[in-house]
Amino acid sequence: MNRRPTLIAALTLTAAAALTLSACGSDGSSKDKDKDKIAGADTGGSASASPTASASATADRPKIELPSDLSYTFDWSKTGDKDKDAVLGDSEQSIKAVDLAIVNQDALDKAYLFYYEGEAAANTQEFIQAYVKAKARVTGAYRYYDASVNVSDKDSASLVYCEDQSKAYDMYLKTKKVNKTPATKNSYVLYITQLHKNDEGVWVVEKIESQRGSDKCQP
């Protein structure tokens, strides 16, 4: 995960999906660390593709309620394809679920474990734990854009998208101090995720890979 600005940028997940801590990040790949960010961590706002389609009808998805100081904008429109739109909808929820775990200070929070499995779940747990250890969480606004979905068969898919962390930051819980860092090239992160549809019809993240400062995501 390559999400948060300070804490988050430090622990960029290397596999797939949407974990994002605040704004500016450190140079390099998803494993790079930024001295001003919470090591180990990096999702609220509007959503264009909600978790609808056939999957929504069958699965009992967790309720995700986040603090009002967190917002998310998903600048990706519905494709008109049932499976692709379901991938987008579940991916939005998976991104928010990670931030919910950070807010709850629980590296085993049930909501994100509903959307992540295998390698992605292990990396995400490590990412969340970094925030728990630092007694910090994320705040601010995240924007997601330039999404590209590919459904290779009935239960396998990939999603590539960009994240704008320029207005997202780390906040330390004890002091409520917000670590506002200036926006840089590294505030923009490319994510490549691999997903599969489970028995409940939910598109879950198996792998997540990130590239901070990707030229593809620059404004």
C-alpha atoms as a PDB file:
ATOM      1  CA  MET A   1       0.000   0.000   0.000  1.00  0.00           C
ATOM      2  CA  ASN A   2       1.303   3.368  -0.914  1.00  0.00           C
ATOM      3  CA  ARG A   3      -1.206   5.550   0.683  1.00  0.00           C
ATOM      4  CA  ARG A   4      -0.542   7.965   3.453  1.00  0.00           C
ATOM      5  CA  PRO A   5       1.634  11.005   3.204  1.00  0.00           C
ATOM      6  CA  THR A   6       4.005  10.554   6.029  1.00  0.00           C
ATOM      7  CA  LEU A   7       3.340   7.380   7.871  1.00  0.00           C
ATOM      8  CA  ILE A   8       1.716   5.839   4.940  1.00  0.00           C
ATOM      9  CA  ALA A   9       4.216   6.615   2.304  1.00  0.00           C
ATOM     10  CA  ALA A  10       6.711   4.718   4.300  1.00  0.00           C
ATOM     11  CA  LEU A  11       4.997   1.405   3.970  1.00  0.00           C
ATOM     12  CA  THR A  12       3.795   1.146   0.419  1.00  0.00           C
ATOM     13  CA  LEU A  13       2.017  -2.115  -0.258  1.00  0.00           C
ATOM     14  CA  THR A  14       3.357  -4.075  -3.184  1.00  0.00           C
ATOM     15  CA  ALA A  15       0.585  -5.964  -4.823  1.00  0.00           C
ATOM     16  CA  ALA A  16      -2.712  -4.454  -5.668  1.00  0.00           C
ATOM     17  CA  ALA A  17      -5.575  -2.360  -4.555  1.00  0.00           C
ATOM     18  CA  ALA A  18      -6.510   0.655  -2.878  1.00  0.00           C
ATOM     19  CA  LEU A  19      -4.790   1.594   0.231  1.00  0.00           C
ATOM     20  CA  THR A  20      -3.778   5.164   0.496  1.00  0.00           C
ATOM     21  CA  LEU A  21      -2.415   7.290   3.244  1.00  0.00           C
ATOM     22  CA  SER A  22      -2.008  11.015   2.851  1.00  0.00           C
ATOM     23  CA  ALA A  23      -0.543  13.365   0.376  1.00  0.00           C
ATOM     24  CA  CYS A  24       3.085  13.574  -0.543  1.00  0.00           C
ATOM     25  CA  GLY A  25       5.119  10.423  -0.619  1.00  0.00           C
ATOM     26  CA  SER A  26       8.689   9.394  -0.757  1.00  0.00           C
ATOM     27  CA  ASP A  27      10.700   8.718  -3.864  1.00  0.00           C
ATOM     28  CA  GLY A  28      10.785   5.268  -5.386  1.00  0.00           C
ATOM     29  CA  SER A  29       8.586   2.219  -5.377  1.00  0.00           C
ATOM     30  CA  SER A  30       5.913   1.034  -3.010  1.00  0.00           C
ATOM     31  CA  LYS A  31       8.467  -0.046  -0.464  1.00  0.00           C
ATOM     32  CA  ASP A  32      10.036   3.388  -0.145  1.00  0.00           C
ATOM     33  CA  LYS A  33       9.787   5.220   3.132  1.00  0.00           C
ATOM     34  CA  ASP A  34       9.433   8.913   3.807  1.00  0.00           C
ATOM     35  CA  LYS A  35      10.972  10.191   6.998  1.00  0.00           C
ATOM     36  CA  ASP A  36       8.052  12.538   7.601  1.00  0.00           C
ATOM     37  CA  LYS A  37       5.366   9.908   7.142  1.00  0.00           C
ATOM     38  CA  ILE A  38       4.046   7.060   9.183  1.00  0.00           C
ATOM     39  CA  ALA A  39       6.120   4.122   8.185  1.00  0.00           C
ATOM     40  CA  GLY A  40       3.943   1.426   6.823  1.00  0.00           C
ATOM     41  CA  ALA A  41       0.718   3.144   5.925  1.00  0.00           C
ATOM     42  CA  ASP A  42      -1.530   5.079   2.915  1.00  0.00           C
ATOM     43  CA  THR A  43      -8.735   6.026   1.605  1.00  0.00           C
ATOM     44  CA  GLY A  44     -15.435   9.807   3.084  1.00  0.00           C
ATOM     45  CA  GLY A  45     -16.547  11.511  -0.293  1.00  0.00           C
ATOM     46  CA  SER A  46     -18.411  10.847  -3.476  1.00  0.00           C
ATOM     47  CA  ALA A  47     -18.474   7.560  -5.300  1.00  0.00           C
ATOM     48  CA  SER A  48     -19.486   7.100  -8.905  1.00  0.00           C
ATOM     49  CA  ALA A  49     -19.633   3.334  -9.060  1.00  0.00           C
ATOM     50  CA  SER A  50     -21.341   1.923  -6.001  1.00  0.00           C
ATOM     51  CA  PRO A  51     -21.149  -1.772  -5.112  1.00  0.00           C
ATOM     52  CA  THR A  52     -24.198  -2.769  -7.094  1.00  0.00           C
ATOM     53  CA  ALA A  53     -24.774  -5.459  -9.695  1.00  0.00           C
ATOM     54  CA  SER A  54     -25.411  -9.103  -8.901  1.00  0.00           C
ATOM     55  CA  ALA A  55     -22.696  -9.233  -6.243  1.00  0.00           C
ATOM     56  CA  SER A  56     -24.439  -6.644  -4.079  1.00  0.00           C
ATOM     57  CA  ALA A  57     -27.634  -8.601  -4.042  1.00  0.00           C
ATOM     58  CA  THR A  58     -26.052 -11.709  -2.554  1.00  0.00           C
ATOM     59  CA  ALA A  59     -23.322 -10.481  -0.200  1.00  0.00           C
ATOM     60  CA  ASP A  60     -23.768  -8.982   3.256  1.00  0.00           C
ATOM     61  CA  ARG A  61     -21.227  -6.204   2.925  1.00  0.00           C
ATOM     62  CA  PRO A  62     -19.891  -4.471   6.048  1.00  0.00           C
ATOM     63  CA  LYS A  63     -21.130  -0.982   6.815  1.00  0.00           C
ATOM     64  CA  ILE A  64     -18.329   1.531   6.436  1.00  0.00           C
ATOM     65  CA  GLU A  65     -18.760   4.798   8.337  1.00  0.00           C
ATOM     66  CA  LEU A  66     -15.795   7.167   8.408  1.00  0.00           C
ATOM     67  CA  PRO A  67     -15.162  10.471  10.221  1.00  0.00           C
ATOM     68  CA  SER A  68     -16.417  13.605   8.480  1.00  0.00           C
ATOM     69  CA  ASP A  69     -12.861  14.906   8.061  1.00  0.00           C
ATOM     70  CA  LEU A  70     -12.161  12.126   5.543  1.00  0.00           C
ATOM     71  CA  SER A  71     -13.512  12.432   2.014  1.00  0.00           C
ATOM     72  CA  TYR A  72     -13.172  10.405  -1.178  1.00  0.00           C
ATOM     73  CA  THR A  73     -13.841  11.306  -4.778  1.00  0.00           C
ATOM     74  CA  PHE A  74     -13.929   8.499  -7.311  1.00  0.00           C
ATOM     75  CA  ASP A  75     -13.599  10.065 -10.751  1.00  0.00           C
ATOM     76  CA  TRP A  76     -14.414   6.893 -12.605  1.00  0.00           C
ATOM     77  CA  SER A  77     -17.754   6.445 -14.301  1.00  0.00           C
ATOM     78  CA  LYS A  78     -19.760   3.292 -14.649  1.00  0.00           C
ATOM     79  CA  THR A  79     -18.835   1.347 -17.763  1.00  0.00           C
ATOM     80  CA  GLY A  80     -22.221  -0.189 -18.441  1.00  0.00           C
ATOM     81  CA  ASP A  81     -20.688  -3.646 -18.033  1.00  0.00           C
ATOM     82  CA  LYS A  82     -22.124  -5.437 -14.998  1.00  0.00           C
ATOM     83  CA  ASP A  83     -18.917  -7.182 -13.979  1.00  0.00           C
ATOM     84  CA  LYS A  84     -16.635  -4.191 -14.532  1.00  0.00           C
ATOM     85  CA  ASP A  85     -18.930  -1.904 -12.560  1.00  0.00           C
ATOM     86  CA  ALA A  86     -19.020  -4.451  -9.735  1.00  0.00           C
ATOM     87  CA  VAL A  87     -15.208  -4.451  -9.653  1.00  0.00           C
ATOM     88  CA  LEU A  88     -15.182  -0.654  -9.421  1.00  0.00           C
ATOM     89  CA  GLY A  89     -17.851  -0.614  -6.717  1.00  0.00           C
ATOM     90  CA  ASP A  90     -16.172  -3.198  -4.528  1.00  0.00           C
ATOM     91  CA  SER A  91     -12.796  -1.534  -5.021  1.00  0.00           C
ATOM     92  CA  GLU A  92     -14.195   1.740  -3.703  1.00  0.00           C
ATOM     93  CA  GLN A  93     -15.421  -0.033  -0.600  1.00  0.00           C
ATOM     94  CA  SER A  94     -12.119  -1.866  -0.137  1.00  0.00           C
ATOM     95  CA  ILE A  95     -10.231   1.427  -0.188  1.00  0.00           C
ATOM     96  CA  LYS A  96     -12.487   2.942   2.462  1.00  0.00           C
ATOM     97  CA  ALA A  97     -12.396  -0.247   4.546  1.00  0.00           C
ATOM     98  CA  VAL A  98      -8.652   0.104   5.010  1.00  0.00           C
ATOM     99  CA  ASP A  99      -9.035   3.639   6.321  1.00  0.00           C
ATOM    100  CA  LEU A 100     -11.788   2.447   8.629  1.00  0.00           C
ATOM    101  CA  ALA A 101      -9.359  -0.069  10.143  1.00  0.00           C
ATOM    102  CA  ILE A 102      -6.841   2.737  10.633  1.00  0.00           C
ATOM    103  CA  VAL A 103      -9.482   4.937  12.271  1.00  0.00           C
ATOM    104  CA  ASN A 104     -10.478   2.010  14.503  1.00  0.00           C
ATOM    105  CA  GLN A 105      -6.805   1.311  15.219  1.00  0.00           C
ATOM    106  CA  ASP A 106      -7.457  -2.355  14.477  1.00  0.00           C
ATOM    107  CA  ALA A 107      -5.110  -4.236  12.140  1.00  0.00           C
ATOM    108  CA  LEU A 108      -7.592  -7.122  12.060  1.00  0.00           C
ATOM    109  CA  ASP A 109     -10.694  -5.038  11.412  1.00  0.00           C
ATOM    110  CA  LYS A 110     -13.412  -7.176   9.843  1.00  0.00           C
ATOM    111  CA  ALA A 111     -14.408  -4.680   7.157  1.00  0.00           C
ATOM    112  CA  TYR A 112     -11.110  -4.672   5.277  1.00  0.00           C
ATOM    113  CA  LEU A 113     -10.685  -8.434   5.750  1.00  0.00           C
ATOM    114  CA  PHE A 114     -13.996  -8.767   3.899  1.00  0.00           C
ATOM    115  CA  TYR A 115     -12.343  -7.248   0.805  1.00  0.00           C
ATOM    116  CA  TYR A 116      -8.738  -8.482   1.012  1.00  0.00           C
ATOM    117  CA  GLU A 117      -7.308 -11.994   0.905  1.00  0.00           C
ATOM    118  CA  GLY A 118      -3.944 -13.708   0.722  1.00  0.00           C
ATOM    119  CA  GLU A 119      -0.933 -11.546  -0.076  1.00  0.00           C
ATOM    120  CA  ALA A 120      -2.964  -8.353  -0.253  1.00  0.00           C
ATOM    121  CA  ALA A 121      -4.508  -8.989   3.164  1.00  0.00           C
ATOM    122  CA  ALA A 122      -1.111  -9.658   4.741  1.00  0.00           C
ATOM    123  CA  ASN A 123       0.413  -6.507   3.253  1.00  0.00           C
ATOM    124  CA  THR A 124      -2.597  -4.449   4.234  1.00  0.00           C
ATOM    125  CA  GLN A 125      -2.458  -5.709   7.807  1.00  0.00           C
ATOM    126  CA  GLU A 126       1.163  -4.582   8.004  1.00  0.00           C
ATOM    127  CA  PHE A 127       0.198  -1.234   6.566  1.00  0.00           C
ATOM    128  CA  ILE A 128      -2.577  -0.684   9.118  1.00  0.00           C
ATOM    129  CA  GLN A 129      -0.408  -1.877  11.981  1.00  0.00           C
ATOM    130  CA  ALA A 130       2.090   0.889  11.196  1.00  0.00           C
ATOM    131  CA  TYR A 131      -0.642   3.432  11.960  1.00  0.00           C
ATOM    132  CA  VAL A 132      -1.695   1.614  15.092  1.00  0.00           C
ATOM    133  CA  LYS A 133       1.875   1.597  16.341  1.00  0.00           C
ATOM    134  CA  ALA A 134       2.261   5.301  15.592  1.00  0.00           C
ATOM    135  CA  LYS A 135      -1.135   6.065  17.189  1.00  0.00           C
ATOM    136  CA  ALA A 136      -2.132   7.975  14.083  1.00  0.00           C
ATOM    137  CA  ARG A 137      -4.761   7.948  11.386  1.00  0.00           C
ATOM    138  CA  VAL A 138      -5.466   9.638   8.091  1.00  0.00           C
ATOM    139  CA  THR A 139      -7.422  12.818   7.426  1.00  0.00           C
ATOM    140  CA  GLY A 140      -8.185  14.997   4.423  1.00  0.00           C
ATOM    141  CA  ALA A 141      -9.364  14.308   0.887  1.00  0.00           C
ATOM    142  CA  TYR A 142      -8.481  11.537  -1.565  1.00  0.00           C
ATOM    143  CA  ARG A 143      -9.235  11.438  -5.258  1.00  0.00           C
ATOM    144  CA  TYR A 144      -9.146   8.381  -7.518  1.00  0.00           C
ATOM    145  CA  TYR A 145      -9.051   8.610 -11.294  1.00  0.00           C
ATOM    146  CA  ASP A 146      -7.948   7.083 -14.622  1.00  0.00           C
ATOM    147  CA  ALA A 147      -9.331   3.662 -13.760  1.00  0.00           C
ATOM    148  CA  SER A 148      -8.890   0.798 -16.213  1.00  0.00           C
ATOM    149  CA  VAL A 149     -10.755  -2.450 -15.521  1.00  0.00           C
ATOM    150  CA  ASN A 150     -10.222  -5.771 -17.207  1.00  0.00           C
ATOM    151  CA  VAL A 151     -12.359  -8.821 -16.447  1.00  0.00           C
ATOM    152  CA  SER A 152     -10.509 -11.806 -17.874  1.00  0.00           C
ATOM    153  CA  ASP A 153     -13.145 -14.394 -17.003  1.00  0.00           C
ATOM    154  CA  LYS A 154     -16.199 -14.770 -14.782  1.00  0.00           C
ATOM    155  CA  ASP A 155     -14.219 -14.545 -11.543  1.00  0.00           C
ATOM    156  CA  SER A 156     -10.869 -12.889 -12.334  1.00  0.00           C
ATOM    157  CA  ALA A 157     -10.150  -9.210 -12.916  1.00  0.00           C
ATOM    158  CA  SER A 158      -7.540  -6.481 -12.699  1.00  0.00           C
ATOM    159  CA  LEU A 159      -7.901  -2.792 -11.893  1.00  0.00           C
ATOM    160  CA  VAL A 160      -5.333  -0.080 -12.546  1.00  0.00           C
ATOM    161  CA  TYR A 161      -5.976   3.399 -11.180  1.00  0.00           C
ATOM    162  CA  CYS A 162      -4.394   6.583  -9.854  1.00  0.00           C
ATOM    163  CA  GLU A 163      -4.654   8.172  -6.424  1.00  0.00           C
ATOM    164  CA  ASP A 164      -4.205  11.856  -5.588  1.00  0.00           C
ATOM    165  CA  GLN A 165      -2.893  12.219  -2.038  1.00  0.00           C
ATOM    166  CA  SER A 166      -2.057  15.919  -2.326  1.00  0.00           C
ATOM    167  CA  LYS A 167      -4.806  16.890   0.130  1.00  0.00           C
ATOM    168  CA  ALA A 168      -4.559  13.901   2.485  1.00  0.00           C
ATOM    169  CA  TYR A 169      -2.459  13.848   5.627  1.00  0.00           C
ATOM    170  CA  ASP A 170      -1.515  11.916   8.748  1.00  0.00           C
ATOM    171  CA  MET A 171      -3.031  12.949  12.085  1.00  0.00           C
ATOM    172  CA  TYR A 172      -1.611  11.907  15.446  1.00  0.00           C
ATOM    173  CA  LEU A 173      -4.392  10.848  17.785  1.00  0.00           C
ATOM    174  CA  LYS A 174      -3.036  12.080  21.102  1.00  0.00           C
ATOM    175  CA  THR A 175      -2.298  15.644  20.047  1.00  0.00           C
ATOM    176  CA  LYS A 176      -4.663  15.816  17.040  1.00  0.00           C
ATOM    177  CA  LYS A 177      -1.717  17.321  15.196  1.00  0.00           C
ATOM    178  CA  VAL A 178      -2.034  17.061  11.418  1.00  0.00           C
ATOM    179  CA  ASN A 179       1.207  16.588   9.526  1.00  0.00           C
ATOM    180  CA  LYS A 180       0.546  18.753   6.478  1.00  0.00           C
ATOM    181  CA  THR A 181       3.168  18.128   3.846  1.00  0.00           C
ATOM    182  CA  PRO A 182       3.472  20.010   0.533  1.00  0.00           C
ATOM    183  CA  ALA A 183       2.294  18.326  -2.645  1.00  0.00           C
ATOM    184  CA  THR A 184       5.023  16.864  -4.844  1.00  0.00           C
ATOM    185  CA  LYS A 185       5.268  14.436  -7.725  1.00  0.00           C
ATOM    186  CA  ASN A 186       5.126  11.647  -5.144  1.00  0.00           C
ATOM    187  CA  SER A 187       1.667  12.751  -4.016  1.00  0.00           C
ATOM    188  CA  TYR A 188       0.320  10.818  -7.002  1.00  0.00           C
ATOM    189  CA  VAL A 189       0.317   7.033  -6.869  1.00  0.00           C
ATOM    190  CA  LEU A 190      -0.404   4.356  -9.453  1.00  0.00           C
ATOM    191  CA  TYR A 191      -2.060   1.143  -8.229  1.00  0.00           C
ATOM    192  CA  ILE A 192      -2.266  -2.182 -10.004  1.00  0.00           C
ATOM    193  CA  THR A 193      -4.581  -4.692  -8.366  1.00  0.00           C
ATOM    194  CA  GLN A 194      -5.599  -8.254  -9.046  1.00  0.00           C
ATOM    195  CA  LEU A 195      -8.991  -9.419  -7.852  1.00  0.00           C
ATOM    196  CA  HIS A 196     -11.196 -12.469  -7.879  1.00  0.00           C
ATOM    197  CA  LYS A 197     -14.904 -12.925  -7.253  1.00  0.00           C
ATOM    198  CA  ASN A 198     -15.518 -15.032  -4.167  1.00  0.00           C
ATOM    199  CA  ASP A 199     -18.414 -17.368  -3.424  1.00  0.00           C
ATOM    200  CA  GLU A 200     -20.499 -14.450  -2.137  1.00  0.00           C
ATOM    201  CA  GLY A 201     -20.095 -12.585  -5.411  1.00  0.00           C
ATOM    202  CA  VAL A 202     -17.715 -10.005  -3.957  1.00  0.00           C
ATOM    203  CA  TRP A 203     -14.647  -8.855  -5.884  1.00  0.00           C
ATOM    204  CA  VAL A 204     -11.820  -9.193  -3.372  1.00  0.00           C
ATOM    205  CA  VAL A 205      -8.239  -7.995  -3.729  1.00  0.00           C
ATOM    206  CA  GLU A 206      -5.591 -10.717  -3.971  1.00  0.00           C
ATOM    207  CA  LYS A 207      -2.562  -8.659  -4.903  1.00  0.00           C
ATOM    208  CA  ILE A 208      -1.797  -4.951  -4.892  1.00  0.00           C
ATOM    209  CA  GLU A 209       1.166  -3.131  -6.370  1.00  0.00           C
ATOM    210  CA  SER A 210       1.863   0.592  -6.230  1.00  0.00           C
ATOM    211  CA  GLN A 211       4.187   3.086  -7.827  1.00  0.00           C
ATOM    212  CA  ARG A 212       4.584   6.439  -6.103  1.00  0.00           C
ATOM    213  CA  GLY A 213       5.333   9.395  -8.360  1.00  0.00           C
ATOM    214  CA  SER A 214       4.185   7.552 -11.492  1.00  0.00           C
ATOM    215  CA  ASP A 215       4.262   9.714 -14.614  1.00  0.00           C
ATOM    216  CA  LYS A 216       0.886   8.234 -15.593  1.00  0.00           C
ATOM    217  CA  CYS A 217      -0.820   9.854 -12.617  1.00  0.00           C
ATOM    218  CA  GLN A 218       0.679  13.341 -12.688  1.00  0.00           C
ATOM    219  CA  PRO A 219      -1.863  16.209 -12.954  1.00  0.00           C
END
